[in-house]
Structures are given as structure tokens and as C-alpha cells.
Amino acid sequence: LDTVFPEGTAAERPFNIEGDWAKGPGAADCKSGANMMLFAMKH
């Protein structure tokens, strides 16, 4: 659940998609994986 980014990063760089890339603090490490587990069980 945790990331390496300090307080205020989410407001400064919120989630957004540019082309094929989802960006934002922890978008890859590890929010995508946590979400993948959730949706695998939803399926």
C-alpha cells in the first residue's frame, strides 16, 4: 500500500493517462498490482 513519495505529491501530480501511460505517485509501484489482485477476485 505504501509508496516512496512525500506528502503533497498526489496533489502536485495526480493520476492521469498520457498516451498508453498511467502516471502519478505509485501508479506502477504498487497501486497497479494491488488493483490487479482486487479485480482478479472480482472476475
All heavy atoms as atom14 arrays in JSON, in Angstrom:
{
  "sequence": "LDTVFPEGTAAERPFNIEGDWAKGPGAADCKSGANMMLFAMKH",
  "atom14_mask": [
    [1, 1, 1, 1, 1, 1, 1, 1, 0, 0, 0, 0, 0, 0],
    [1, 1, 1, 1, 1, 1, 1, 1, 0, 0, 0, 0, 0, 0],
    [1, 1, 1, 1, 1, 1, 1, 0, 0, 0, 0, 0, 0, 0],
    [1, 1, 1, 1, 1, 1, 1, 0, 0, 0, 0, 0, 0, 0],
    [1, 1, 1, 1, 1, 1, 1, 1, 1, 1, 1, 0, 0, 0],
    [1, 1, 1, 1, 1, 1, 1, 0, 0, 0, 0, 0, 0, 0],
    [1, 1, 1, 1, 1, 1, 1, 1, 1, 0, 0, 0, 0, 0],
    [1, 1, 1, 1, 0, 0, 0, 0, 0, 0, 0, 0, 0, 0],
    [1, 1, 1, 1, 1, 1, 1, 0, 0, 0, 0, 0, 0, 0],
    [1, 1, 1, 1, 1, 0, 0, 0, 0, 0, 0, 0, 0, 0],
    [1, 1, 1, 1, 1, 0, 0, 0, 0, 0, 0, 0, 0, 0],
    [1, 1, 1, 1, 1, 1, 1, 1, 1, 0, 0, 0, 0, 0],
    [1, 1, 1, 1, 1, 1, 1, 1, 1, 1, 1, 0, 0, 0],
    [1, 1, 1, 1, 1, 1, 1, 0, 0, 0, 0, 0, 0, 0],
    [1, 1, 1, 1, 1, 1, 1, 1, 1, 1, 1, 0, 0, 0],
    [1, 1, 1, 1, 1, 1, 1, 1, 0, 0, 0, 0, 0, 0],
    [1, 1, 1, 1, 1, 1, 1, 1, 0, 0, 0, 0, 0, 0],
    [1, 1, 1, 1, 1, 1, 1, 1, 1, 0, 0, 0, 0, 0],
    [1, 1, 1, 1, 0, 0, 0, 0, 0, 0, 0, 0, 0, 0],
    [1, 1, 1, 1, 1, 1, 1, 1, 0, 0, 0, 0, 0, 0],
    [1, 1, 1, 1, 1, 1, 1, 1, 1, 1, 1, 1, 1, 1],
    [1, 1, 1, 1, 1, 0, 0, 0, 0, 0, 0, 0, 0, 0],
    [1, 1, 1, 1, 1, 1, 1, 1, 1, 0, 0, 0, 0, 0],
    [1, 1, 1, 1, 0, 0, 0, 0, 0, 0, 0, 0, 0, 0],
    [1, 1, 1, 1, 1, 1, 1, 0, 0, 0, 0, 0, 0, 0],
    [1, 1, 1, 1, 0, 0, 0, 0, 0, 0, 0, 0, 0, 0],
    [1, 1, 1, 1, 1, 0, 0, 0, 0, 0, 0, 0, 0, 0],
    [1, 1, 1, 1, 1, 0, 0, 0, 0, 0, 0, 0, 0, 0],
    [1, 1, 1, 1, 1, 1, 1, 1, 0, 0, 0, 0, 0, 0],
    [1, 1, 1, 1, 1, 1, 0, 0, 0, 0, 0, 0, 0, 0],
    [1, 1, 1, 1, 1, 1, 1, 1, 1, 0, 0, 0, 0, 0],
    [1, 1, 1, 1, 1, 1, 0, 0, 0, 0, 0, 0, 0, 0],
    [1, 1, 1, 1, 0, 0, 0, 0, 0, 0, 0, 0, 0, 0],
    [1, 1, 1, 1, 1, 0, 0, 0, 0, 0, 0, 0, 0, 0],
    [1, 1, 1, 1, 1, 1, 1, 1, 0, 0, 0, 0, 0, 0],
    [1, 1, 1, 1, 1, 1, 1, 1, 0, 0, 0, 0, 0, 0],
    [1, 1, 1, 1, 1, 1, 1, 1, 0, 0, 0, 0, 0, 0],
    [1, 1, 1, 1, 1, 1, 1, 1, 0, 0, 0, 0, 0, 0],
    [1, 1, 1, 1, 1, 1, 1, 1, 1, 1, 1, 0, 0, 0],
    [1, 1, 1, 1, 1, 0, 0, 0, 0, 0, 0, 0, 0, 0],
    [1, 1, 1, 1, 1, 1, 1, 1, 0, 0, 0, 0, 0, 0],
    [1, 1, 1, 1, 1, 1, 1, 1, 1, 0, 0, 0, 0, 0],
    [1, 1, 1, 1, 1, 1, 1, 1, 1, 1, 0, 0, 0, 0]
  ],
  "atom14_positions": [
    [[0.81, -1.22, 0.0], [0.0, 0.0, 0.0], [0.84, 1.27, 0.0], [0.36, 2.33, -0.42], [-0.9, 0.02, 1.24], [-1.83, -1.17, 1.44], [-2.55, -1.05, 2.79], [-2.85, -1.28, 0.31], [0.0, 0.0, 0.0], [0.0, 0.0, 0.0], [0.0, 0.0, 0.0], [0.0, 0.0, 0.0], [0.0, 0.0, 0.0], [0.0, 0.0, 0.0]],
    [[2.07, 1.2, 0.49], [2.89, 2.4, 0.66], [3.68, 2.72, -0.61], [3.9, 1.87, -1.48], [3.84, 2.26, 1.85], [4.81, 1.1, 1.71], [4.43, 0.05, 1.15], [5.96, 1.23, 2.17], [0.0, 0.0, 0.0], [0.0, 0.0, 0.0], [0.0, 0.0, 0.0], [0.0, 0.0, 0.0], [0.0, 0.0, 0.0], [0.0, 0.0, 0.0]],
    [[4.08, 3.98, -0.71], [4.93, 4.44, -1.81], [6.15, 5.14, -1.22], [6.3, 5.25, 0.0], [4.18, 5.44, -2.72], [4.06, 6.71, -2.04], [2.81, 4.94, -3.09], [0.0, 0.0, 0.0], [0.0, 0.0, 0.0], [0.0, 0.0, 0.0], [0.0, 0.0, 0.0], [0.0, 0.0, 0.0], [0.0, 0.0, 0.0], [0.0, 0.0, 0.0]],
    [[7.01, 5.65, -2.1], [8.2, 6.38, -1.65], [7.98, 7.89, -1.65], [8.88, 8.65, -1.3], [9.42, 6.05, -2.54], [9.74, 4.58, -2.51], [9.19, 6.53, -3.99], [0.0, 0.0, 0.0], [0.0, 0.0, 0.0], [0.0, 0.0, 0.0], [0.0, 0.0, 0.0], [0.0, 0.0, 0.0], [0.0, 0.0, 0.0], [0.0, 0.0, 0.0]],
    [[6.79, 8.34, -2.03], [6.58, 9.76, -2.3], [6.08, 10.53, -1.08], [5.27, 10.04, -0.31], [5.61, 9.92, -3.47], [6.12, 9.31, -4.74], [5.65, 8.07, -5.17], [7.09, 9.94, -5.49], [6.13, 7.49, -6.33], [7.58, 9.37, -6.66], [7.1, 8.14, -7.08], [0.0, 0.0, 0.0], [0.0, 0.0, 0.0], [0.0, 0.0, 0.0]],
    [[6.54, 11.78, -0.92], [6.17, 12.58, 0.26], [4.77, 13.16, 0.17], [4.14, 13.17, -0.91], [7.22, 13.7, 0.26], [7.59, 13.87, -1.18], [7.53, 12.48, -1.76], [0.0, 0.0, 0.0], [0.0, 0.0, 0.0], [0.0, 0.0, 0.0], [0.0, 0.0, 0.0], [0.0, 0.0, 0.0], [0.0, 0.0, 0.0], [0.0, 0.0, 0.0]],
    [[4.3, 13.64, 1.3], [3.0, 14.31, 1.39], [2.94, 15.46, 0.39], [3.89, 16.23, 0.24], [2.79, 14.84, 2.81], [1.43, 15.42, 3.08], [0.37, 14.37, 3.33], [0.72, 13.26, 3.76], [-0.81, 14.68, 3.11], [0.0, 0.0, 0.0], [0.0, 0.0, 0.0], [0.0, 0.0, 0.0], [0.0, 0.0, 0.0], [0.0, 0.0, 0.0]],
    [[1.84, 15.57, -0.3], [1.65, 16.64, -1.28], [1.87, 16.21, -2.72], [1.49, 16.93, -3.66], [0.0, 0.0, 0.0], [0.0, 0.0, 0.0], [0.0, 0.0, 0.0], [0.0, 0.0, 0.0], [0.0, 0.0, 0.0], [0.0, 0.0, 0.0], [0.0, 0.0, 0.0], [0.0, 0.0, 0.0], [0.0, 0.0, 0.0], [0.0, 0.0, 0.0]],
    [[2.48, 15.02, -2.93], [2.77, 14.58, -4.29], [1.5, 14.3, -5.07], [1.41, 14.59, -6.26], [3.66, 13.31, -4.27], [4.82, 13.56, -3.47], [4.09, 12.95, -5.67], [0.0, 0.0, 0.0], [0.0, 0.0, 0.0], [0.0, 0.0, 0.0], [0.0, 0.0, 0.0], [0.0, 0.0, 0.0], [0.0, 0.0, 0.0], [0.0, 0.0, 0.0]],
    [[0.48, 13.71, -4.42], [-0.76, 13.38, -5.13], [-1.45, 14.63, -5.65], [-2.03, 14.62, -6.75], [-1.69, 12.59, -4.22], [0.0, 0.0, 0.0], [0.0, 0.0, 0.0], [0.0, 0.0, 0.0], [0.0, 0.0, 0.0], [0.0, 0.0, 0.0], [0.0, 0.0, 0.0], [0.0, 0.0, 0.0], [0.0, 0.0, 0.0], [0.0, 0.0, 0.0]],
    [[-1.4, 15.71, -4.89], [-1.99, 16.97, -5.35], [-1.17, 17.59, -6.47], [-1.71, 18.17, -7.41], [-2.12, 17.94, -4.18], [0.0, 0.0, 0.0], [0.0, 0.0, 0.0], [0.0, 0.0, 0.0], [0.0, 0.0, 0.0], [0.0, 0.0, 0.0], [0.0, 0.0, 0.0], [0.0, 0.0, 0.0], [0.0, 0.0, 0.0], [0.0, 0.0, 0.0]],
    [[0.14, 17.43, -6.36], [1.04, 18.02, -7.35], [1.01, 17.24, -8.66], [1.04, 17.84, -9.75], [2.46, 18.01, -6.79], [3.52, 18.56, -7.73], [4.92, 18.43, -7.16], [5.05, 18.31, -5.92], [5.89, 18.42, -7.95], [0.0, 0.0, 0.0], [0.0, 0.0, 0.0], [0.0, 0.0, 0.0], [0.0, 0.0, 0.0], [0.0, 0.0, 0.0]],
    [[0.95, 15.92, -8.57], [0.98, 15.06, -9.76], [-0.13, 14.01, -9.65], [0.16, 12.82, -9.48], [2.34, 14.39, -9.91], [3.49, 15.32, -10.21], [4.77, 14.56, -10.54], [5.36, 13.87, -9.41], [5.28, 12.57, -9.19], [4.6, 11.79, -10.02], [5.86, 12.02, -8.13], [0.0, 0.0, 0.0], [0.0, 0.0, 0.0], [0.0, 0.0, 0.0]],
    [[-1.4, 14.38, -9.75], [-2.48, 13.39, -9.61], [-2.49, 12.41, -10.77], [-1.84, 12.62, -11.8], [-3.74, 14.26, -9.6], [-3.35, 15.49, -10.36], [-1.91, 15.73, -10.02], [0.0, 0.0, 0.0], [0.0, 0.0, 0.0], [0.0, 0.0, 0.0], [0.0, 0.0, 0.0], [0.0, 0.0, 0.0], [0.0, 0.0, 0.0], [0.0, 0.0, 0.0]],
    [[-3.25, 11.35, -10.59], [-3.37, 10.31, -11.61], [-3.81, 10.92, -12.94], [-4.75, 11.7, -13.01], [-4.41, 9.28, -11.16], [-4.61, 8.15, -12.13], [-3.8, 7.03, -12.09], [-5.62, 8.2, -13.08], [-3.99, 5.97, -12.97], [-5.82, 7.16, -13.97], [-5.01, 6.03, -13.92], [0.0, 0.0, 0.0], [0.0, 0.0, 0.0], [0.0, 0.0, 0.0]],
    [[-3.11, 10.54, -13.98], [-3.51, 10.94, -15.33], [-2.96, 9.95, -16.33], [-2.0, 9.21, -16.05], [-3.05, 12.36, -15.65], [-1.56, 12.46, -15.9], [-1.11, 12.53, -17.03], [-0.75, 12.46, -14.83], [0.0, 0.0, 0.0], [0.0, 0.0, 0.0], [0.0, 0.0, 0.0], [0.0, 0.0, 0.0], [0.0, 0.0, 0.0], [0.0, 0.0, 0.0]],
    [[-3.57, 9.91, -17.49], [-3.15, 8.99, -18.54], [-2.69, 9.81, -19.73], [-3.42, 10.67, -20.24], [-4.28, 8.04, -18.95], [-4.65, 7.13, -17.77], [-3.87, 7.2, -20.15], [-5.84, 6.23, -18.03], [0.0, 0.0, 0.0], [0.0, 0.0, 0.0], [0.0, 0.0, 0.0], [0.0, 0.0, 0.0], [0.0, 0.0, 0.0], [0.0, 0.0, 0.0]],
    [[-1.45, 9.58, -20.13], [-0.87, 10.23, -21.31], [-0.49, 9.15, -22.3], [0.45, 8.39, -22.07], [0.36, 11.06, -20.92], [0.06, 12.19, -19.95], [1.31, 12.96, -19.57], [2.37, 12.74, -20.2], [1.24, 13.78, -18.62], [0.0, 0.0, 0.0], [0.0, 0.0, 0.0], [0.0, 0.0, 0.0], [0.0, 0.0, 0.0], [0.0, 0.0, 0.0]],
    [[-1.23, 9.08, -23.41], [-0.99, 8.01, -24.36], [-1.31, 6.67, -23.71], [-2.42, 6.45, -23.22], [0.0, 0.0, 0.0], [0.0, 0.0, 0.0], [0.0, 0.0, 0.0], [0.0, 0.0, 0.0], [0.0, 0.0, 0.0], [0.0, 0.0, 0.0], [0.0, 0.0, 0.0], [0.0, 0.0, 0.0], [0.0, 0.0, 0.0], [0.0, 0.0, 0.0]],
    [[-0.32, 5.78, -23.68], [-0.53, 4.46, -23.06], [-0.13, 4.43, -21.59], [-0.24, 3.4, -20.94], [0.3, 3.4, -23.83], [0.01, 1.99, -23.35], [-1.17, 1.67, -23.1], [0.98, 1.21, -23.18], [0.0, 0.0, 0.0], [0.0, 0.0, 0.0], [0.0, 0.0, 0.0], [0.0, 0.0, 0.0], [0.0, 0.0, 0.0], [0.0, 0.0, 0.0]],
    [[0.34, 5.57, -21.05], [0.96, 5.53, -19.73], [0.1, 6.17, -18.65], [-0.3, 7.34, -18.77], [2.32, 6.22, -19.78], [3.25, 5.54, -20.73], [3.65, 5.98, -21.96], [3.86, 4.26, -20.56], [4.47, 5.07, -22.56], [4.63, 3.99, -21.72], [3.85, 3.31, -19.54], [5.37, 2.81, -21.89], [4.58, 2.14, -19.7], [5.32, 1.91, -20.86]],
    [[-0.2, 5.4, -17.62], [-0.87, 5.91, -16.43], [0.2, 6.44, -15.49], [1.17, 5.73, -15.17], [-1.68, 4.82, -15.75], [0.0, 0.0, 0.0], [0.0, 0.0, 0.0], [0.0, 0.0, 0.0], [0.0, 0.0, 0.0], [0.0, 0.0, 0.0], [0.0, 0.0, 0.0], [0.0, 0.0, 0.0], [0.0, 0.0, 0.0], [0.0, 0.0, 0.0]],
    [[0.04, 7.69, -15.04], [1.07, 8.34, -14.23], [0.49, 8.81, -12.9], [-0.71, 8.97, -12.75], [1.68, 9.51, -15.0], [2.35, 9.1, -16.31], [2.99, 10.29, -17.01], [3.73, 9.85, -18.27], [4.41, 10.98, -18.95], [0.0, 0.0, 0.0], [0.0, 0.0, 0.0], [0.0, 0.0, 0.0], [0.0, 0.0, 0.0], [0.0, 0.0, 0.0]],
    [[1.39, 9.07, -11.96], [1.01, 9.52, -10.63], [1.8, 8.73, -9.6], [2.38, 7.69, -9.9], [0.0, 0.0, 0.0], [0.0, 0.0, 0.0], [0.0, 0.0, 0.0], [0.0, 0.0, 0.0], [0.0, 0.0, 0.0], [0.0, 0.0, 0.0], [0.0, 0.0, 0.0], [0.0, 0.0, 0.0], [0.0, 0.0, 0.0], [0.0, 0.0, 0.0]],
    [[1.84, 9.21, -8.35], [2.65, 8.56, -7.33], [2.18, 7.15, -7.0], [1.06, 6.96, -6.52], [2.51, 9.49, -6.11], [1.25, 10.25, -6.36], [1.15, 10.41, -7.83], [0.0, 0.0, 0.0], [0.0, 0.0, 0.0], [0.0, 0.0, 0.0], [0.0, 0.0, 0.0], [0.0, 0.0, 0.0], [0.0, 0.0, 0.0], [0.0, 0.0, 0.0]],
    [[3.02, 6.17, -7.3], [2.66, 4.78, -7.05], [1.81, 4.14, -8.13], [1.31, 3.03, -7.95], [0.0, 0.0, 0.0], [0.0, 0.0, 0.0], [0.0, 0.0, 0.0], [0.0, 0.0, 0.0], [0.0, 0.0, 0.0], [0.0, 0.0, 0.0], [0.0, 0.0, 0.0], [0.0, 0.0, 0.0], [0.0, 0.0, 0.0], [0.0, 0.0, 0.0]],
    [[1.64, 4.81, -9.27], [0.8, 4.26, -10.33], [1.25, 2.86, -10.73], [0.43, 1.97, -10.96], [0.82, 5.19, -11.55], [0.0, 0.0, 0.0], [0.0, 0.0, 0.0], [0.0, 0.0, 0.0], [0.0, 0.0, 0.0], [0.0, 0.0, 0.0], [0.0, 0.0, 0.0], [0.0, 0.0, 0.0], [0.0, 0.0, 0.0], [0.0, 0.0, 0.0]],
    [[2.57, 2.67, -10.78], [3.12, 1.35, -11.07], [3.43, 0.59, -9.8], [3.09, -0.58, -9.64], [4.37, 1.48, -11.94], [0.0, 0.0, 0.0], [0.0, 0.0, 0.0], [0.0, 0.0, 0.0], [0.0, 0.0, 0.0], [0.0, 0.0, 0.0], [0.0, 0.0, 0.0], [0.0, 0.0, 0.0], [0.0, 0.0, 0.0], [0.0, 0.0, 0.0]],
    [[4.1, 1.27, -8.87], [4.68, 0.64, -7.68], [3.99, 1.15, -6.41], [4.47, 2.12, -5.82], [6.18, 0.92, -7.65], [6.92, 0.21, -6.55], [6.35, -0.72, -5.97], [8.06, 0.6, -6.27], [0.0, 0.0, 0.0], [0.0, 0.0, 0.0], [0.0, 0.0, 0.0], [0.0, 0.0, 0.0], [0.0, 0.0, 0.0], [0.0, 0.0, 0.0]],
    [[2.89, 0.56, -5.96], [2.44, -0.76, -6.37], [0.91, -0.75, -6.51], [0.24, -1.74, -6.29], [2.89, -1.75, -5.31], [2.7, -3.49, -5.7], [0.0, 0.0, 0.0], [0.0, 0.0, 0.0], [0.0, 0.0, 0.0], [0.0, 0.0, 0.0], [0.0, 0.0, 0.0], [0.0, 0.0, 0.0], [0.0, 0.0, 0.0], [0.0, 0.0, 0.0]],
    [[0.36, 0.42, -6.9], [-1.09, 0.54, -6.96], [-1.68, -0.34, -8.08], [-2.79, -0.86, -7.94], [-1.51, 1.99, -7.17], [-0.98, 2.97, -6.11], [-1.45, 2.62, -4.72], [-0.88, 3.56, -3.67], [-1.24, 4.96, -3.84], [0.0, 0.0, 0.0], [0.0, 0.0, 0.0], [0.0, 0.0, 0.0], [0.0, 0.0, 0.0], [0.0, 0.0, 0.0]],
    [[-0.93, -0.51, -9.17], [-1.44, -1.36, -10.25], [-1.55, -2.81, -9.79], [-2.51, -3.51, -10.13], [-0.55, -1.27, -11.49], [0.68, -1.95, -11.31], [0.0, 0.0, 0.0], [0.0, 0.0, 0.0], [0.0, 0.0, 0.0], [0.0, 0.0, 0.0], [0.0, 0.0, 0.0], [0.0, 0.0, 0.0], [0.0, 0.0, 0.0], [0.0, 0.0, 0.0]],
    [[-0.57, -3.27, -9.0], [-0.61, -4.65, -8.52], [-1.69, -4.88, -7.49], [-2.38, -5.91, -7.51], [0.0, 0.0, 0.0], [0.0, 0.0, 0.0], [0.0, 0.0, 0.0], [0.0, 0.0, 0.0], [0.0, 0.0, 0.0], [0.0, 0.0, 0.0], [0.0, 0.0, 0.0], [0.0, 0.0, 0.0], [0.0, 0.0, 0.0], [0.0, 0.0, 0.0]],
    [[-1.86, -3.93, -6.57], [-2.94, -4.05, -5.58], [-4.29, -4.11, -6.29], [-5.17, -4.92, -5.94], [-2.89, -2.87, -4.62], [0.0, 0.0, 0.0], [0.0, 0.0, 0.0], [0.0, 0.0, 0.0], [0.0, 0.0, 0.0], [0.0, 0.0, 0.0], [0.0, 0.0, 0.0], [0.0, 0.0, 0.0], [0.0, 0.0, 0.0], [0.0, 0.0, 0.0]],
    [[-4.46, -3.27, -7.28], [-5.7, -3.24, -8.04], [-5.9, -4.53, -8.84], [-7.01, -5.03, -9.0], [-5.69, -2.03, -8.97], [-7.08, -1.49, -9.28], [-8.02, -1.73, -8.53], [-7.19, -0.76, -10.38], [0.0, 0.0, 0.0], [0.0, 0.0, 0.0], [0.0, 0.0, 0.0], [0.0, 0.0, 0.0], [0.0, 0.0, 0.0], [0.0, 0.0, 0.0]],
    [[-4.79, -5.08, -9.36], [-4.86, -6.32, -10.13], [-5.4, -7.46, -9.27], [-6.2, -8.29, -9.73], [-3.47, -6.66, -10.67], [-3.47, -7.52, -11.91], [-4.08, -6.66, -13.39], [-2.77, -5.49, -13.71], [0.0, 0.0, 0.0], [0.0, 0.0, 0.0], [0.0, 0.0, 0.0], [0.0, 0.0, 0.0], [0.0, 0.0, 0.0], [0.0, 0.0, 0.0]],
    [[-4.96, -7.53, -8.02], [-5.45, -8.56, -7.11], [-6.94, -8.41, -6.85], [-7.7, -9.38, -6.85], [-4.66, -8.5, -5.8], [-3.21, -8.95, -5.94], [-2.12, -8.34, -4.62], [-2.92, -8.97, -3.15], [0.0, 0.0, 0.0], [0.0, 0.0, 0.0], [0.0, 0.0, 0.0], [0.0, 0.0, 0.0], [0.0, 0.0, 0.0], [0.0, 0.0, 0.0]],
    [[-7.36, -7.16, -6.64], [-8.78, -6.88, -6.42], [-9.61, -7.35, -7.6], [-10.62, -8.06, -7.44], [-8.98, -5.38, -6.18], [-10.41, -4.85, -6.27], [-11.27, -5.42, -5.14], [-10.42, -3.32, -6.24], [0.0, 0.0, 0.0], [0.0, 0.0, 0.0], [0.0, 0.0, 0.0], [0.0, 0.0, 0.0], [0.0, 0.0, 0.0], [0.0, 0.0, 0.0]],
    [[-9.2, -6.97, -8.81], [-10.02, -7.28, -9.98], [-9.95, -8.74, -10.37], [-10.92, -9.28, -10.93], [-9.67, -6.34, -11.14], [-10.43, -5.05, -11.07], [-10.02, -4.04, -10.23], [-11.6, -4.88, -11.79], [-10.75, -2.86, -10.12], [-12.33, -3.71, -11.71], [-11.9, -2.69, -10.87], [0.0, 0.0, 0.0], [0.0, 0.0, 0.0], [0.0, 0.0, 0.0]],
    [[-8.85, -9.42, -10.08], [-8.82, -10.86, -10.32], [-9.9, -11.56, -9.5], [-10.61, -12.45, -9.98], [-7.43, -11.42, -9.99], [0.0, 0.0, 0.0], [0.0, 0.0, 0.0], [0.0, 0.0, 0.0], [0.0, 0.0, 0.0], [0.0, 0.0, 0.0], [0.0, 0.0, 0.0], [0.0, 0.0, 0.0], [0.0, 0.0, 0.0], [0.0, 0.0, 0.0]],
    [[-10.05, -11.14, -8.24], [-11.08, -11.74, -7.39], [-12.48, -11.3, -7.82], [-13.44, -12.08, -7.71], [-10.83, -11.41, -5.93], [-9.56, -12.04, -5.36], [-9.37, -13.81, -5.73], [-10.87, -14.5, -5.02], [0.0, 0.0, 0.0], [0.0, 0.0, 0.0], [0.0, 0.0, 0.0], [0.0, 0.0, 0.0], [0.0, 0.0, 0.0], [0.0, 0.0, 0.0]],
    [[-12.62, -10.06, -8.3], [-13.91, -9.65, -8.84], [-14.32, -10.52, -10.02], [-15.49, -10.9, -10.17], [-13.85, -8.18, -9.27], [-13.89, -7.18, -8.12], [-14.13, -5.77, -8.63], [-14.36, -4.8, -7.48], [-14.9, -3.5, -7.92], [0.0, 0.0, 0.0], [0.0, 0.0, 0.0], [0.0, 0.0, 0.0], [0.0, 0.0, 0.0], [0.0, 0.0, 0.0]],
    [[-13.34, -10.86, -10.87], [-13.64, -11.69, -12.04], [-14.04, -13.09, -11.61], [-15.02, -13.65, -12.14], [-12.41, -11.76, -12.95], [-12.03, -10.43, -13.52], [-10.74, -10.12, -13.87], [-12.76, -9.32, -13.78], [-10.7, -8.88, -14.32], [-11.91, -8.38, -14.28], [0.0, 0.0, 0.0], [0.0, 0.0, 0.0], [0.0, 0.0, 0.0], [0.0, 0.0, 0.0]]
  ]
}
